[in-house]
Amino acid sequence: MIILIGVMVLSIKIFHTGDLHLGMKFNNYAEGVKEALSQARFQSLEDMINKSNELNTDIFVIAGDLFNSIQVAKRDINRTVEIFNKFNGACVLVLPGNHDYDNGVIELWREFTKLPSEKILLINKEEPYFLDDYDLDVVVYPAPCHNKHSAENSLQWIKDKGLVEAGKYHIGIAHGAIEGLSADIEGNYYYMTMDELNSIDTDLWLLGHTHVRYPLVEKIEGQKIYNAGTHEPDGLDFRDEGSAWFINLEEGRISAERVITGDYRFFDKEFYLDSDDDLDGIRSWVLEGNPDRKIVRLALKGSISKDAYEDLSSFYEELESSLFHLLIGDSHLKMKIDRDTIENEFTRGSFPYEFLTNLDHDEEAMQIAYDLLRRV
């Protein structure tokens, strides 16, 4: 019988996520909606753990902003650790981001590290972390956040000390704005450049902060720098699905595949209506896919017939019954004016009647004139 003791894994499978913002409140929404959106962030984390188990992942990485703030309810901390403990791989690496930063006295992380777990490693110090205890021949180089804002990123210690000689794989994990990917006009969010990251000779960089994934592909090989994006869409300005990366690191070869995550989708759409048929187009667009998981804001402009205009409330009710949440802006949607409208509303021979009928060759002008007359 041959017994293998302390055998290091030669290939490393990584599930990379970040910017989960657990505890986000969604206070701009109604009570039931905000509660569902808040809970979805936890459920999506659990779904990612389950997916990573299916993929036989070795390391589950949180590249910052696991929590939405440093003020987190203990029940949420407990729930998070319970979810992490369901991971079947070697370890869960958690990097403090700028929303859940760690300056050494943050109660959040004291509570987090007090909870029993053989899986979780908080990488909150600017020093190399050796994963030998997890039977992984990996050294991790964290660039954590120690405050909400910083004009400097946390990469300097790695540049100064360089990489250690031990370890087959060297993985950097950082949180901050990225050149060409993140908006950071004032330079307050741990700004990093691609050249800066590439100049540090790690095998891999796993980043967080920007909620958009990078690179914008489904699969890729040979890529060194990855940004996870957020796992669960979080607002009307977020146009994509939730994402994470599944990365395989083996003998100098890197391959990565996007994993689609998340439950809800946000859509912010403007439609210009020129006929009643356009309402059918909106209906088809809204109801495709999984409408019960869509938060939709519609901005409607243009004009429709009197009958359709007067029946808009029924149209909205139909959409609302299928969607998870609907917001409507229709102040620029008008009732289409034609000869019948003029005949029904104004006395033949009156100034409004004569004025509008003389404009019936110009629909736009007649619409404007009608709106002005109605105001008067």
Protein backbone atom coordinates (compact mmCIF):
# COMPACT_ATOMS: atom_id res chain seq x y z
CA MET A 1 0.00 0.00 0.00
CA ILE A 2 1.29 3.44 -0.96
CA ILE A 3 0.26 6.35 1.27
CA LEU A 4 0.63 9.86 -0.12
CA ILE A 5 1.18 12.47 2.57
CA GLY A 6 0.99 16.21 1.94
CA VAL A 7 0.70 15.93 -1.82
CA MET A 8 0.30 19.37 -3.38
CA VAL A 9 -2.30 19.92 -6.10
CA LEU A 10 -0.53 20.55 -9.42
CA SER A 11 -3.42 22.30 -11.11
CA ILE A 12 -5.51 24.92 -9.33
CA LYS A 13 -9.17 25.56 -10.02
CA ILE A 14 -10.42 28.94 -8.85
CA PHE A 15 -13.89 30.42 -8.58
CA HIS A 16 -13.47 34.20 -8.65
CA THR A 17 -16.16 36.60 -7.50
CA GLY A 18 -16.37 39.95 -5.72
CA ASP A 19 -18.55 42.96 -4.97
CA LEU A 20 -21.33 40.88 -3.45
CA HIS A 21 -22.38 43.78 -1.19
CA LEU A 22 -24.30 41.55 1.19
CA GLY A 23 -26.57 43.65 3.35
CA MET A 24 -27.46 46.12 0.58
CA LYS A 25 -30.80 47.68 1.53
CA PHE A 26 -32.42 48.84 -1.76
CA ASN A 27 -34.33 51.53 0.12
CA ASN A 28 -35.59 53.18 -3.08
CA TYR A 29 -37.97 50.28 -3.60
CA ALA A 30 -41.15 49.15 -1.87
CA GLU A 31 -40.82 46.91 1.17
CA GLY A 32 -41.44 43.56 -0.53
CA VAL A 33 -39.20 44.39 -3.47
CA LYS A 34 -36.25 45.59 -1.42
CA GLU A 35 -36.42 42.55 0.86
CA ALA A 36 -36.41 40.17 -2.12
CA LEU A 37 -33.46 41.96 -3.76
CA SER A 38 -31.50 41.96 -0.52
CA GLN A 39 -32.10 38.26 0.06
CA ALA A 40 -31.21 37.43 -3.54
CA ARG A 41 -27.63 38.50 -2.90
CA PHE A 42 -27.27 35.78 -0.25
CA GLN A 43 -29.01 33.19 -2.41
CA SER A 44 -26.74 33.96 -5.34
CA LEU A 45 -23.71 33.46 -3.11
CA GLU A 46 -25.03 30.06 -2.09
CA ASP A 47 -25.71 29.23 -5.74
CA MET A 48 -22.09 30.10 -6.59
CA ILE A 49 -20.81 27.85 -3.81
CA ASN A 50 -22.94 25.02 -5.18
CA LYS A 51 -21.68 25.70 -8.70
CA SER A 52 -18.07 25.78 -7.56
CA ASN A 53 -18.59 22.41 -5.85
CA GLU A 54 -19.92 20.98 -9.12
CA LEU A 55 -16.75 22.26 -10.81
CA ASN A 56 -14.48 20.70 -8.15
CA THR A 57 -13.00 24.09 -7.36
CA ASP A 58 -9.97 24.34 -5.06
CA ILE A 59 -10.17 28.02 -4.09
CA PHE A 60 -13.19 30.31 -3.80
CA VAL A 61 -12.05 33.96 -4.00
CA ILE A 62 -13.90 37.07 -2.82
CA ALA A 63 -11.99 40.02 -4.31
CA GLY A 64 -13.38 42.63 -1.91
CA ASP A 65 -16.74 44.08 -0.85
CA LEU A 66 -18.22 40.86 0.42
CA PHE A 67 -20.37 43.13 2.58
CA ASN A 68 -21.97 46.43 1.64
CA SER A 69 -20.55 48.27 4.65
CA ILE A 70 -18.64 47.74 7.87
CA GLN A 71 -21.95 47.93 9.76
CA VAL A 72 -23.35 44.44 9.25
CA ALA A 73 -25.97 42.61 11.30
CA LYS A 74 -24.56 39.59 13.12
CA ARG A 75 -27.21 37.38 11.55
CA ASP A 76 -25.88 38.35 8.13
CA ILE A 77 -22.30 37.56 9.15
CA ASN A 78 -23.41 34.19 10.54
CA ARG A 79 -25.38 33.41 7.41
CA THR A 80 -22.40 34.25 5.20
CA VAL A 81 -20.02 31.99 7.11
CA GLU A 82 -22.58 29.18 7.06
CA ILE A 83 -22.74 29.47 3.27
CA PHE A 84 -18.94 29.47 2.94
CA ASN A 85 -18.72 26.35 5.10
CA LYS A 86 -20.68 24.49 2.40
CA PHE A 87 -17.72 24.87 0.04
CA ASN A 88 -16.17 21.45 -0.67
CA GLY A 89 -12.85 22.81 -1.91
CA ALA A 90 -9.72 23.69 0.04
CA CYS A 91 -10.32 27.28 1.11
CA VAL A 92 -12.30 30.49 0.77
CA LEU A 93 -10.16 33.63 0.48
CA VAL A 94 -11.82 36.88 1.58
CA LEU A 95 -10.22 40.25 0.79
CA PRO A 96 -11.55 43.43 2.46
CA GLY A 97 -12.73 45.97 -0.13
CA ASN A 98 -13.37 49.67 0.18
CA HIS A 99 -16.97 49.13 1.37
CA ASP A 100 -15.98 46.54 3.99
CA TYR A 101 -12.44 47.75 4.64
CA ASP A 102 -10.30 46.56 7.54
CA ASN A 103 -8.10 48.96 9.48
CA GLY A 104 -7.46 46.56 12.34
CA VAL A 105 -10.28 47.73 14.61
CA ILE A 106 -13.37 46.94 12.56
CA GLU A 107 -15.91 44.94 14.56
CA LEU A 108 -17.24 43.29 11.38
CA TRP A 109 -14.05 41.33 10.83
CA ARG A 110 -13.66 40.49 14.52
CA GLU A 111 -17.10 38.87 14.45
CA PHE A 112 -16.38 37.24 11.10
CA THR A 113 -13.14 35.58 12.22
CA LYS A 114 -14.62 34.45 15.56
CA LEU A 115 -17.05 32.12 13.81
CA PRO A 116 -15.81 28.53 13.42
CA SER A 117 -14.59 27.62 9.96
CA GLU A 118 -11.77 25.49 8.60
CA LYS A 119 -12.29 26.89 5.13
CA ILE A 120 -12.15 30.67 5.44
CA LEU A 121 -8.95 32.71 5.30
CA LEU A 122 -9.23 36.48 5.72
CA ILE A 123 -6.41 38.00 3.66
CA ASN A 124 -6.37 41.43 5.27
CA LYS A 125 -2.66 42.06 5.70
CA GLU A 126 -0.05 43.24 3.25
CA GLU A 127 2.03 40.10 3.33
CA PRO A 128 2.23 36.82 1.41
CA TYR A 129 -0.18 34.09 2.46
CA PHE A 130 1.04 30.53 1.97
CA LEU A 131 -1.68 27.97 1.34
CA ASP A 132 0.40 24.94 2.37
CA ASP A 133 -2.00 24.17 5.20
CA TYR A 134 -4.67 23.59 2.55
CA ASP A 135 -2.37 21.30 0.53
CA LEU A 136 -2.08 23.95 -2.17
CA ASP A 137 1.32 24.99 -3.53
CA VAL A 138 0.10 28.58 -3.82
CA VAL A 139 1.22 31.94 -2.46
CA VAL A 140 -1.36 34.72 -2.35
CA TYR A 141 -0.45 38.42 -2.49
CA PRO A 142 -3.37 40.54 -1.22
CA ALA A 143 -3.89 44.25 -1.85
CA PRO A 144 -6.69 44.95 0.66
CA CYS A 145 -8.45 48.20 1.48
CA HIS A 146 -7.85 49.79 4.86
CA ASN A 147 -10.21 52.75 4.40
CA LYS A 148 -13.25 53.69 2.35
CA HIS A 149 -11.15 55.91 0.07
CA SER A 150 -7.49 56.08 -0.82
CA ALA A 151 -5.47 57.99 -3.40
CA GLU A 152 -2.98 55.11 -3.42
CA ASN A 153 -3.58 51.44 -4.13
CA SER A 154 -2.19 48.66 -1.94
CA LEU A 155 0.22 47.14 -4.45
CA GLN A 156 3.38 48.91 -3.28
CA TRP A 157 4.37 46.29 -0.70
CA ILE A 158 4.47 43.63 -3.42
CA LYS A 159 6.63 45.87 -5.63
CA ASP A 160 9.00 46.57 -2.73
CA LYS A 161 9.38 42.99 -1.46
CA GLY A 162 8.88 41.08 -4.68
CA LEU A 163 7.56 37.54 -4.90
CA VAL A 164 8.77 34.87 -2.53
CA GLU A 165 10.77 31.95 -3.90
CA ALA A 166 8.43 29.31 -2.47
CA GLY A 167 5.22 28.27 -4.18
CA LYS A 168 4.42 26.89 -7.59
CA TYR A 169 1.67 29.44 -8.23
CA HIS A 170 1.64 33.11 -7.27
CA ILE A 171 -1.76 34.80 -7.24
CA GLY A 172 -2.44 38.49 -6.61
CA ILE A 173 -5.83 39.59 -5.29
CA ALA A 174 -6.64 43.31 -5.22
CA HIS A 175 -9.56 45.69 -4.86
CA GLY A 176 -9.69 49.07 -6.58
CA ALA A 177 -10.52 51.06 -9.69
CA ILE A 178 -8.86 49.87 -12.88
CA GLU A 179 -7.51 52.01 -15.70
CA GLY A 180 -9.90 52.02 -18.65
CA LEU A 181 -12.53 50.02 -16.81
CA SER A 182 -13.52 52.02 -13.73
CA ALA A 183 -14.67 55.61 -13.33
CA ASP A 184 -12.37 57.22 -10.74
CA ILE A 185 -11.96 60.82 -11.84
CA GLU A 186 -10.65 62.06 -8.49
CA GLY A 187 -8.45 59.02 -7.89
CA ASN A 188 -10.01 58.07 -4.55
CA TYR A 189 -10.63 54.38 -5.11
CA TYR A 190 -7.26 52.61 -4.97
CA TYR A 191 -6.60 53.30 -8.66
CA MET A 192 -4.52 50.70 -10.55
CA THR A 193 -3.23 50.54 -14.10
CA MET A 194 -2.95 47.48 -16.32
CA ASP A 195 0.76 48.16 -16.82
CA GLU A 196 1.24 48.31 -13.07
CA LEU A 197 -0.43 44.95 -12.57
CA ASN A 198 1.42 43.32 -15.45
CA SER A 199 4.75 44.57 -14.10
CA ILE A 200 4.28 42.39 -11.00
CA ASP A 201 5.26 38.86 -11.97
CA THR A 202 2.33 36.96 -10.49
CA ASP A 203 0.72 34.17 -12.48
CA LEU A 204 -2.69 35.72 -12.02
CA TRP A 205 -4.46 38.87 -10.84
CA LEU A 206 -7.98 38.56 -9.43
CA LEU A 207 -9.62 41.96 -8.99
CA GLY A 208 -12.73 43.51 -7.52
CA HIS A 209 -14.41 46.93 -7.22
CA THR A 210 -15.69 47.49 -10.76
CA HIS A 211 -19.07 45.80 -11.11
CA VAL A 212 -18.46 45.09 -14.79
CA ARG A 213 -16.57 41.88 -15.58
CA TYR A 214 -13.25 41.94 -17.38
CA PRO A 215 -12.48 40.77 -19.97
CA LEU A 216 -15.84 40.91 -21.77
CA VAL A 217 -15.68 37.41 -23.20
CA GLU A 218 -17.24 34.05 -22.39
CA LYS A 219 -14.01 32.04 -22.56
CA ILE A 220 -10.35 32.98 -22.79
CA GLU A 221 -6.87 31.49 -22.51
CA GLY A 222 -3.60 33.10 -21.50
CA GLN A 223 -5.24 36.09 -19.75
CA LYS A 224 -3.51 37.22 -16.56
CA ILE A 225 -5.89 39.91 -15.24
CA TYR A 226 -9.54 39.29 -14.33
CA ASN A 227 -12.22 41.41 -12.73
CA ALA A 228 -15.16 39.46 -11.39
CA GLY A 229 -17.96 41.99 -11.70
CA THR A 230 -20.90 41.68 -9.33
CA HIS A 231 -22.66 38.36 -8.78
CA GLU A 232 -26.19 39.79 -8.62
CA PRO A 233 -27.36 42.85 -10.61
CA ASP A 234 -27.90 45.75 -8.24
CA GLY A 235 -29.60 48.64 -10.06
CA LEU A 236 -31.12 50.10 -13.19
CA ASP A 237 -27.71 51.25 -14.42
CA PHE A 238 -26.51 47.64 -14.48
CA ARG A 239 -27.30 46.20 -17.92
CA ASP A 240 -25.71 42.75 -17.71
CA GLU A 241 -26.35 39.48 -15.93
CA GLY A 242 -24.41 38.69 -12.78
CA SER A 243 -21.01 37.10 -13.46
CA ALA A 244 -18.11 35.25 -11.93
CA TRP A 245 -15.01 33.53 -13.34
CA PHE A 246 -14.03 29.88 -13.24
CA ILE A 247 -10.26 29.79 -13.80
CA ASN A 248 -7.97 26.83 -14.26
CA LEU A 249 -4.27 27.37 -13.61
CA GLU A 250 -2.07 24.46 -14.73
CA GLU A 251 1.64 24.33 -15.54
CA GLY A 252 1.78 27.92 -16.75
CA ARG A 253 -1.42 27.61 -18.77
CA ILE A 254 -4.39 29.77 -17.79
CA SER A 255 -7.90 29.14 -19.06
CA ALA A 256 -11.02 30.90 -17.85
CA GLU A 257 -14.73 30.69 -18.43
CA ARG A 258 -17.45 33.10 -17.45
CA VAL A 259 -20.09 31.74 -15.08
CA ILE A 260 -23.47 33.48 -15.31
CA THR A 261 -24.84 34.10 -11.83
CA GLY A 262 -27.67 36.03 -10.23
CA ASP A 263 -31.42 35.85 -10.14
CA TYR A 264 -32.88 39.26 -10.98
CA ARG A 265 -32.23 41.50 -13.99
CA PHE A 266 -32.66 45.28 -14.27
CA PHE A 267 -33.82 46.96 -17.49
CA ASP A 268 -34.05 50.70 -18.16
CA LYS A 269 -35.59 51.21 -21.58
CA GLU A 270 -37.00 54.10 -23.61
CA PHE A 271 -39.57 53.51 -26.36
CA TYR A 272 -40.90 55.95 -28.95
CA LEU A 273 -44.45 55.01 -29.97
CA ASP A 274 -45.90 55.99 -33.33
CA SER A 275 -48.81 53.53 -33.50
CA ASP A 276 -50.83 51.22 -31.30
CA ASP A 277 -48.88 48.28 -32.69
CA ASP A 278 -45.83 49.59 -30.85
CA LEU A 279 -47.54 48.62 -27.57
CA ASP A 280 -47.50 45.01 -28.75
CA GLY A 281 -43.77 45.33 -29.34
CA ILE A 282 -43.26 46.58 -25.81
CA ARG A 283 -45.40 43.76 -24.45
CA SER A 284 -43.35 41.14 -26.32
CA TRP A 285 -40.05 42.64 -25.14
CA VAL A 286 -41.15 42.86 -21.51
CA LEU A 287 -42.56 39.34 -21.34
CA GLU A 288 -39.70 37.46 -23.01
CA GLY A 289 -37.37 35.37 -20.86
CA ASN A 290 -38.22 35.31 -17.16
CA PRO A 291 -40.41 38.37 -16.58
CA ASP A 292 -41.04 37.48 -12.94
CA ARG A 293 -37.33 38.15 -12.32
CA LYS A 294 -37.21 41.50 -14.13
CA ILE A 295 -37.17 45.00 -12.63
CA VAL A 296 -38.17 47.24 -15.54
CA ARG A 297 -38.31 51.01 -15.93
CA LEU A 298 -40.06 52.16 -19.10
CA ALA A 299 -39.86 55.69 -20.50
CA LEU A 300 -42.59 56.10 -23.13
CA LYS A 301 -42.69 58.88 -25.71
CA GLY A 302 -44.61 59.61 -28.90
CA SER A 303 -48.35 59.23 -29.51
CA ILE A 304 -51.00 56.52 -29.75
CA SER A 305 -54.71 56.45 -30.60
CA LYS A 306 -57.32 57.79 -28.21
CA ASP A 307 -58.63 54.29 -27.45
CA ALA A 308 -55.16 52.95 -26.68
CA TYR A 309 -54.27 56.03 -24.66
CA GLU A 310 -57.40 55.75 -22.53
CA ASP A 311 -56.68 52.05 -21.99
CA LEU A 312 -53.07 52.54 -20.86
CA SER A 313 -53.87 51.63 -17.24
CA SER A 314 -55.01 48.17 -18.37
CA PHE A 315 -51.85 47.79 -20.43
CA TYR A 316 -49.70 48.71 -17.43
CA GLU A 317 -51.61 46.32 -15.18
CA GLU A 318 -50.98 43.51 -17.63
CA LEU A 319 -47.24 44.16 -17.64
CA GLU A 320 -47.12 44.62 -13.88
CA SER A 321 -48.85 41.30 -13.26
CA SER A 322 -46.06 39.47 -15.10
CA LEU A 323 -43.02 41.46 -13.97
CA PHE A 324 -41.35 41.42 -10.59
CA HIS A 325 -41.40 45.21 -10.50
CA LEU A 326 -42.42 47.92 -12.99
CA LEU A 327 -41.73 51.65 -13.11
CA ILE A 328 -43.42 53.81 -15.75
CA GLY A 329 -42.58 57.27 -17.04
CA ASP A 330 -45.13 58.38 -19.66
CA SER A 331 -45.36 62.16 -19.32
CA HIS A 332 -44.13 62.48 -22.92
CA LEU A 333 -46.61 59.98 -24.33
CA LYS A 334 -49.57 61.74 -25.99
CA MET A 335 -52.90 60.86 -27.48
CA LYS A 336 -52.67 60.95 -31.26
CA ILE A 337 -54.76 63.83 -32.68
CA ASP A 338 -56.81 63.30 -35.84
CA ARG A 339 -59.95 64.69 -37.48
CA ASP A 340 -62.24 62.57 -35.27
CA THR A 341 -60.61 63.92 -32.11
CA ILE A 342 -61.11 67.50 -33.30
CA GLU A 343 -64.73 66.85 -34.33
CA ASN A 344 -65.51 65.30 -30.94
CA GLU A 345 -63.88 67.93 -28.77
CA PHE A 346 -64.41 71.27 -30.52
CA THR A 347 -67.38 73.04 -32.07
CA ARG A 348 -67.24 73.34 -35.83
CA GLY A 349 -66.41 76.92 -36.73
CA SER A 350 -64.73 77.68 -33.38
CA PHE A 351 -61.21 79.05 -33.31
CA PRO A 352 -59.69 75.77 -31.96
CA TYR A 353 -61.56 73.76 -34.59
CA GLU A 354 -60.48 75.96 -37.49
CA PHE A 355 -56.94 76.33 -36.23
CA LEU A 356 -56.38 72.58 -35.76
CA THR A 357 -58.04 71.48 -38.98
CA ASN A 358 -55.77 73.85 -40.88
CA LEU A 359 -52.82 71.93 -39.42
CA ASP A 360 -54.00 68.43 -40.28
CA HIS A 361 -51.32 68.23 -42.99
CA ASP A 362 -48.63 68.49 -40.27
CA GLU A 363 -49.22 65.89 -37.53
CA GLU A 364 -46.48 67.14 -35.24
CA ALA A 365 -47.62 70.76 -35.42
CA MET A 366 -51.22 69.74 -34.84
CA GLN A 367 -50.18 67.72 -31.76
CA ILE A 368 -48.28 70.68 -30.30
CA ALA A 369 -51.16 73.07 -30.99
CA TYR A 370 -53.67 70.68 -29.47
CA ASP A 371 -51.59 70.33 -26.27
CA LEU A 372 -51.33 74.13 -25.99
CA LEU A 373 -55.06 74.59 -26.48
CA ARG A 374 -55.85 71.95 -23.87
CA ARG A 375 -53.66 73.76 -21.34
CA VAL A 376 -55.48 77.02 -22.04
